[in-house]
């Protein structure tokens, strides 16, 4: 993907990109990856969409064709079930595809976050 500065302008600015490009932070250096640049395998979003969207569309279509006067309740119940399923599946299957759960390497950013956590009386970074 292109860095944030090279992307087409957006009506809503990305605060993470502005923070990453600022000169006052260690990640503002040219070699650093902007915070909003995705860390996911290529094609993962498309594959996930191809797997999840057809059943959702089929379910909504079936409800629209067969429920009659119970349409609002049936759509609400279906979407409620989809949301519960997504909340259950997200941390196990979806989040590992898009997020990188690694420990922060030692350095100035880790020290600064540790100092901030200590100031807020949070558990220190190990």
N, C-alpha and C. Protein backbone atom coordinates (compact mmCIF):
# COMPACT_ATOMS: atom_id res chain seq x y z
N UNK A 1 0.83 -1.18 0.00
CA UNK A 1 0.00 0.00 0.00
C UNK A 1 0.87 1.24 0.00
N UNK A 2 0.32 2.30 -0.53
CA UNK A 2 1.05 3.55 -0.56
C UNK A 2 1.06 4.19 0.82
N UNK A 3 2.14 4.91 1.17
CA UNK A 3 2.14 5.64 2.43
C UNK A 3 1.03 6.68 2.45
N UNK A 4 0.69 7.12 3.64
CA UNK A 4 -0.43 8.06 3.81
C UNK A 4 -0.26 9.32 2.99
N UNK A 5 0.96 9.83 2.90
CA UNK A 5 1.19 11.09 2.20
C UNK A 5 0.91 10.97 0.71
N UNK A 6 1.02 9.74 0.16
CA UNK A 6 0.83 9.55 -1.27
C UNK A 6 -0.60 9.18 -1.63
N UNK A 7 -1.45 8.91 -0.66
CA UNK A 7 -2.82 8.51 -0.94
C UNK A 7 -3.65 9.71 -1.37
N UNK A 8 -4.76 9.42 -1.99
CA UNK A 8 -5.67 10.48 -2.40
C UNK A 8 -6.20 11.20 -1.16
N UNK A 9 -6.41 12.50 -1.23
CA UNK A 9 -6.89 13.23 -0.06
C UNK A 9 -8.25 12.72 0.38
N UNK A 10 -8.44 12.72 1.68
CA UNK A 10 -9.68 12.24 2.25
C UNK A 10 -10.40 13.40 2.92
N UNK A 11 -11.74 13.41 2.92
CA UNK A 11 -12.45 14.49 3.61
C UNK A 11 -12.23 14.45 5.12
N UNK A 12 -11.88 13.27 5.65
CA UNK A 12 -11.60 13.14 7.08
C UNK A 12 -10.12 12.80 7.23
N UNK A 13 -9.32 13.68 7.84
CA UNK A 13 -7.90 13.39 7.97
C UNK A 13 -7.66 12.24 8.95
N UNK A 14 -6.62 11.52 8.71
CA UNK A 14 -6.25 10.39 9.56
C UNK A 14 -5.34 10.90 10.68
N UNK A 15 -5.82 10.95 11.93
CA UNK A 15 -4.98 11.48 13.01
C UNK A 15 -3.76 10.62 13.27
N UNK A 16 -3.87 9.31 13.04
CA UNK A 16 -2.72 8.44 13.25
C UNK A 16 -1.60 8.78 12.28
N UNK A 17 -1.95 9.14 11.03
CA UNK A 17 -0.92 9.50 10.05
C UNK A 17 -0.24 10.80 10.44
N UNK A 18 -1.01 11.76 10.90
CA UNK A 18 -0.42 13.03 11.30
C UNK A 18 0.50 12.83 12.49
N UNK A 19 0.09 11.98 13.43
CA UNK A 19 0.93 11.71 14.59
C UNK A 19 2.21 11.01 14.16
N UNK A 20 2.10 10.04 13.25
CA UNK A 20 3.26 9.27 12.82
C UNK A 20 4.25 10.14 12.05
N UNK A 21 3.76 11.17 11.35
CA UNK A 21 4.65 12.02 10.56
C UNK A 21 5.25 13.17 11.37
N UNK A 22 4.78 13.36 12.61
CA UNK A 22 5.26 14.51 13.37
C UNK A 22 6.72 14.31 13.74
N UNK A 23 7.46 15.40 13.81
CA UNK A 23 8.89 15.34 14.09
C UNK A 23 9.18 15.09 15.56
N UNK A 24 8.21 15.25 16.44
CA UNK A 24 8.46 15.11 17.87
C UNK A 24 8.41 13.66 18.33
N UNK A 25 7.95 12.75 17.52
CA UNK A 25 7.85 11.35 17.92
C UNK A 25 8.85 10.51 17.16
N UNK A 26 9.31 9.44 17.80
CA UNK A 26 10.32 8.58 17.19
C UNK A 26 9.82 7.93 15.92
N UNK A 27 8.52 7.68 15.82
CA UNK A 27 8.00 7.01 14.63
C UNK A 27 7.82 7.97 13.46
N UNK A 28 8.16 9.25 13.63
CA UNK A 28 8.03 10.22 12.56
C UNK A 28 9.17 10.18 11.56
N UNK A 29 10.15 9.32 11.81
CA UNK A 29 11.27 9.21 10.88
C UNK A 29 10.81 8.59 9.57
N UNK A 30 11.57 8.83 8.52
CA UNK A 30 11.18 8.38 7.18
C UNK A 30 11.07 6.86 7.09
N UNK A 31 11.86 6.14 7.85
CA UNK A 31 11.86 4.67 7.76
C UNK A 31 10.68 4.05 8.50
N UNK A 32 10.01 4.81 9.33
CA UNK A 32 8.91 4.25 10.12
C UNK A 32 7.66 4.06 9.27
N UNK A 33 6.91 3.05 9.59
CA UNK A 33 5.65 2.77 8.91
C UNK A 33 4.56 3.62 9.55
N UNK A 34 3.76 4.34 8.77
CA UNK A 34 2.68 5.13 9.37
C UNK A 34 1.73 4.22 10.13
N UNK A 35 1.17 4.76 11.20
CA UNK A 35 0.31 3.96 12.08
C UNK A 35 -0.93 3.46 11.38
N UNK A 36 -1.42 4.17 10.36
CA UNK A 36 -2.67 3.75 9.72
C UNK A 36 -2.45 2.79 8.56
N UNK A 37 -1.20 2.51 8.21
CA UNK A 37 -0.96 1.57 7.12
C UNK A 37 -1.29 0.17 7.61
N UNK A 38 -2.10 -0.58 6.87
CA UNK A 38 -2.54 -1.87 7.36
C UNK A 38 -1.40 -2.87 7.48
N UNK A 39 -1.48 -3.71 8.49
CA UNK A 39 -0.49 -4.76 8.72
C UNK A 39 -1.17 -6.11 8.49
N UNK A 40 -1.72 -6.30 7.32
CA UNK A 40 -2.44 -7.54 7.05
C UNK A 40 -1.91 -8.18 5.78
N UNK A 41 -2.12 -9.48 5.66
CA UNK A 41 -1.67 -10.16 4.45
C UNK A 41 -2.45 -9.66 3.23
N UNK A 42 -1.81 -9.59 2.08
CA UNK A 42 -2.54 -9.14 0.89
C UNK A 42 -3.69 -10.07 0.55
N UNK A 43 -4.82 -9.50 0.27
CA UNK A 43 -5.99 -10.28 -0.11
C UNK A 43 -6.81 -10.81 1.05
N UNK A 44 -6.37 -10.59 2.29
CA UNK A 44 -7.10 -11.12 3.44
C UNK A 44 -8.47 -10.46 3.56
N UNK A 45 -8.53 -9.15 3.32
CA UNK A 45 -9.80 -8.45 3.43
C UNK A 45 -10.78 -8.93 2.36
N UNK A 46 -10.29 -9.11 1.14
CA UNK A 46 -11.16 -9.58 0.05
C UNK A 46 -11.64 -11.00 0.33
N UNK A 47 -10.74 -11.86 0.80
CA UNK A 47 -11.14 -13.24 1.09
C UNK A 47 -12.16 -13.28 2.22
N UNK A 48 -11.94 -12.47 3.24
CA UNK A 48 -12.89 -12.44 4.34
C UNK A 48 -14.25 -11.93 3.89
N UNK A 49 -14.25 -10.93 3.01
CA UNK A 49 -15.51 -10.41 2.47
C UNK A 49 -16.24 -11.46 1.64
N UNK A 50 -15.50 -12.21 0.83
CA UNK A 50 -16.12 -13.25 0.00
C UNK A 50 -16.71 -14.37 0.84
N UNK A 51 -16.17 -14.59 2.02
CA UNK A 51 -16.68 -15.64 2.89
C UNK A 51 -17.88 -15.16 3.72
N UNK A 52 -17.83 -13.90 4.20
CA UNK A 52 -18.85 -13.44 5.13
C UNK A 52 -20.06 -12.77 4.51
N UNK A 53 -19.89 -12.06 3.41
CA UNK A 53 -21.00 -11.27 2.86
C UNK A 53 -22.10 -12.12 2.21
N UNK A 54 -21.81 -13.14 1.40
CA UNK A 54 -22.91 -13.90 0.78
C UNK A 54 -23.90 -14.51 1.77
N UNK A 55 -23.47 -15.11 2.89
CA UNK A 55 -24.48 -15.62 3.84
C UNK A 55 -25.33 -14.51 4.46
N UNK A 56 -24.74 -13.36 4.71
CA UNK A 56 -25.51 -12.24 5.26
C UNK A 56 -26.56 -11.76 4.27
N UNK A 57 -26.18 -11.61 3.02
CA UNK A 57 -27.13 -11.17 2.00
C UNK A 57 -28.23 -12.22 1.80
N UNK A 58 -27.85 -13.49 1.81
CA UNK A 58 -28.84 -14.55 1.66
C UNK A 58 -29.83 -14.55 2.83
N UNK A 59 -29.33 -14.35 4.05
CA UNK A 59 -30.21 -14.32 5.21
C UNK A 59 -31.18 -13.15 5.16
N UNK A 60 -30.69 -11.96 4.83
CA UNK A 60 -31.56 -10.79 4.74
C UNK A 60 -32.57 -10.97 3.62
N UNK A 61 -32.16 -11.51 2.48
CA UNK A 61 -33.07 -11.74 1.36
C UNK A 61 -34.17 -12.72 1.75
N UNK A 62 -33.81 -13.81 2.43
CA UNK A 62 -34.81 -14.79 2.84
C UNK A 62 -35.81 -14.14 3.80
N UNK A 63 -35.31 -13.34 4.73
CA UNK A 63 -36.20 -12.66 5.69
C UNK A 63 -37.14 -11.71 4.95
N UNK A 64 -36.63 -10.96 3.99
CA UNK A 64 -37.47 -10.03 3.24
C UNK A 64 -38.57 -10.75 2.47
N UNK A 65 -38.29 -11.95 1.97
CA UNK A 65 -39.25 -12.67 1.15
C UNK A 65 -40.27 -13.48 1.96
N UNK A 66 -39.94 -13.88 3.18
CA UNK A 66 -40.77 -14.85 3.88
C UNK A 66 -41.38 -14.41 5.21
N UNK A 67 -41.08 -13.25 5.74
CA UNK A 67 -41.54 -12.95 7.09
C UNK A 67 -42.84 -12.17 7.18
N UNK A 68 -43.24 -11.46 6.16
CA UNK A 68 -44.50 -10.73 6.19
C UNK A 68 -44.51 -9.63 7.24
N UNK A 69 -45.54 -9.62 8.11
CA UNK A 69 -45.65 -8.53 9.08
C UNK A 69 -44.58 -8.57 10.18
N UNK A 70 -43.91 -9.68 10.31
CA UNK A 70 -42.86 -9.79 11.33
C UNK A 70 -41.49 -9.33 10.81
N UNK A 71 -41.47 -8.67 9.68
CA UNK A 71 -40.21 -8.25 9.05
C UNK A 71 -39.30 -7.46 9.99
N UNK A 72 -39.76 -6.39 10.66
CA UNK A 72 -38.83 -5.63 11.51
C UNK A 72 -38.22 -6.48 12.63
N UNK A 73 -39.05 -7.30 13.28
CA UNK A 73 -38.53 -8.15 14.35
C UNK A 73 -37.56 -9.20 13.80
N UNK A 74 -37.89 -9.80 12.67
CA UNK A 74 -37.03 -10.83 12.09
C UNK A 74 -35.67 -10.24 11.68
N UNK A 75 -35.68 -9.06 11.07
CA UNK A 75 -34.40 -8.43 10.70
C UNK A 75 -33.59 -8.07 11.93
N UNK A 76 -34.28 -7.56 12.96
CA UNK A 76 -33.58 -7.23 14.20
C UNK A 76 -32.95 -8.47 14.82
N UNK A 77 -33.70 -9.55 14.89
CA UNK A 77 -33.20 -10.79 15.49
C UNK A 77 -32.03 -11.35 14.68
N UNK A 78 -32.14 -11.31 13.36
CA UNK A 78 -31.06 -11.82 12.51
C UNK A 78 -29.78 -11.00 12.73
N UNK A 79 -29.89 -9.68 12.70
CA UNK A 79 -28.71 -8.84 12.87
C UNK A 79 -28.15 -8.95 14.29
N UNK A 80 -29.01 -9.15 15.29
CA UNK A 80 -28.56 -9.37 16.65
C UNK A 80 -27.72 -10.66 16.72
N UNK A 81 -28.20 -11.71 16.07
CA UNK A 81 -27.45 -12.96 16.02
C UNK A 81 -26.13 -12.82 15.29
N UNK A 82 -26.12 -12.05 14.19
CA UNK A 82 -24.87 -11.83 13.44
C UNK A 82 -23.87 -11.09 14.32
N UNK A 83 -24.33 -10.09 15.06
CA UNK A 83 -23.43 -9.33 15.92
C UNK A 83 -22.87 -10.19 17.05
N UNK A 84 -23.71 -11.03 17.66
CA UNK A 84 -23.21 -11.93 18.70
C UNK A 84 -22.18 -12.91 18.14
N UNK A 85 -22.45 -13.42 16.96
CA UNK A 85 -21.50 -14.33 16.33
C UNK A 85 -20.18 -13.61 16.03
N UNK A 86 -20.27 -12.38 15.53
CA UNK A 86 -19.06 -11.62 15.21
C UNK A 86 -18.25 -11.32 16.47
N UNK A 87 -18.93 -10.99 17.56
CA UNK A 87 -18.22 -10.73 18.82
C UNK A 87 -17.52 -11.98 19.34
N UNK A 88 -18.09 -13.13 19.06
CA UNK A 88 -17.49 -14.39 19.50
C UNK A 88 -16.32 -14.79 18.61
N UNK A 89 -16.46 -14.59 17.32
CA UNK A 89 -15.46 -15.05 16.36
C UNK A 89 -14.30 -14.06 16.19
N UNK A 90 -14.56 -12.77 16.36
CA UNK A 90 -13.54 -11.75 16.07
C UNK A 90 -12.20 -11.97 16.78
N UNK A 91 -12.17 -12.14 18.11
CA UNK A 91 -10.85 -12.25 18.75
C UNK A 91 -10.08 -13.50 18.38
N UNK A 92 -10.80 -14.54 17.96
CA UNK A 92 -10.14 -15.81 17.68
C UNK A 92 -9.69 -15.93 16.22
N UNK A 93 -10.55 -15.53 15.29
CA UNK A 93 -10.25 -15.75 13.87
C UNK A 93 -9.90 -14.48 13.09
N UNK A 94 -10.61 -13.40 13.32
CA UNK A 94 -10.45 -12.22 12.47
C UNK A 94 -9.30 -11.33 12.93
N UNK A 95 -9.21 -11.03 14.22
CA UNK A 95 -8.16 -10.13 14.71
C UNK A 95 -6.75 -10.63 14.37
N UNK A 96 -6.44 -11.92 14.49
CA UNK A 96 -5.08 -12.35 14.13
C UNK A 96 -4.74 -12.13 12.65
N UNK A 97 -5.74 -12.06 11.77
CA UNK A 97 -5.44 -11.78 10.36
C UNK A 97 -4.99 -10.35 10.13
N UNK A 98 -5.51 -9.42 10.92
CA UNK A 98 -5.29 -8.00 10.65
C UNK A 98 -4.37 -7.32 11.65
N UNK A 99 -4.14 -7.89 12.81
CA UNK A 99 -3.32 -7.25 13.83
C UNK A 99 -2.10 -8.10 14.13
N UNK A 100 -1.05 -7.43 14.53
CA UNK A 100 0.19 -8.11 14.88
C UNK A 100 0.35 -7.96 16.40
N UNK A 101 0.22 -9.06 17.13
CA UNK A 101 0.29 -9.02 18.58
C UNK A 101 1.70 -9.41 19.03
N UNK A 102 2.65 -8.50 18.90
CA UNK A 102 4.02 -8.73 19.34
C UNK A 102 4.35 -7.74 20.45
N UNK A 103 5.30 -8.13 21.28
CA UNK A 103 5.76 -7.22 22.33
C UNK A 103 6.48 -6.04 21.70
N UNK A 104 6.35 -4.89 22.32
CA UNK A 104 7.03 -3.68 21.86
C UNK A 104 8.51 -3.84 22.12
N UNK A 105 9.36 -3.67 21.09
CA UNK A 105 10.80 -3.85 21.31
C UNK A 105 11.35 -2.75 22.22
N UNK A 106 12.42 -3.06 22.94
CA UNK A 106 13.03 -2.04 23.81
C UNK A 106 13.48 -0.83 22.99
N UNK A 107 13.31 0.34 23.57
CA UNK A 107 13.71 1.56 22.89
C UNK A 107 13.03 2.76 23.52
N UNK A 108 13.17 3.92 22.87
CA UNK A 108 12.62 5.13 23.47
C UNK A 108 11.09 5.13 23.55
N UNK A 109 10.42 4.55 22.57
CA UNK A 109 8.96 4.51 22.61
C UNK A 109 8.47 3.65 23.76
N UNK A 110 9.12 2.51 23.97
CA UNK A 110 8.73 1.64 25.08
C UNK A 110 8.97 2.32 26.43
N UNK A 111 10.11 3.04 26.55
CA UNK A 111 10.40 3.76 27.79
C UNK A 111 9.36 4.86 28.02
N UNK A 112 9.00 5.59 26.95
CA UNK A 112 8.02 6.67 27.09
C UNK A 112 6.66 6.12 27.49
N UNK A 113 6.25 5.01 26.89
CA UNK A 113 4.96 4.40 27.25
C UNK A 113 4.99 3.85 28.67
N UNK A 114 6.13 3.29 29.08
CA UNK A 114 6.26 2.80 30.45
C UNK A 114 6.17 3.93 31.46
N UNK A 115 6.81 5.06 31.14
CA UNK A 115 6.75 6.22 32.03
C UNK A 115 5.31 6.75 32.11
N UNK A 116 4.62 6.78 30.98
CA UNK A 116 3.23 7.25 30.98
C UNK A 116 2.33 6.30 31.77
N UNK A 117 2.55 5.00 31.61
CA UNK A 117 1.76 4.02 32.37
C UNK A 117 2.02 4.16 33.86
N UNK A 118 3.29 4.40 34.22
CA UNK A 118 3.62 4.58 35.64
C UNK A 118 2.96 5.84 36.18
N UNK A 119 2.94 6.91 35.38
CA UNK A 119 2.30 8.15 35.81
C UNK A 119 0.79 7.98 36.00
N UNK A 120 0.19 7.08 35.22
CA UNK A 120 -1.24 6.81 35.35
C UNK A 120 -1.55 5.68 36.31
N UNK A 121 -0.51 5.21 37.01
CA UNK A 121 -0.64 4.12 37.99
C UNK A 121 -1.11 2.83 37.35
N UNK A 122 -0.66 2.57 36.13
CA UNK A 122 -1.00 1.33 35.44
C UNK A 122 0.13 0.33 35.65
N UNK A 123 -0.11 -0.90 35.25
CA UNK A 123 0.88 -1.94 35.35
C UNK A 123 2.05 -1.61 34.40
N UNK A 124 3.31 -1.68 34.86
CA UNK A 124 4.42 -1.34 33.98
C UNK A 124 4.64 -2.38 32.89
N UNK A 125 5.28 -1.96 31.79
CA UNK A 125 5.64 -2.89 30.72
C UNK A 125 6.80 -3.76 31.16
N UNK A 126 6.76 -5.04 30.88
CA UNK A 126 7.83 -5.95 31.29
C UNK A 126 8.73 -6.23 30.12
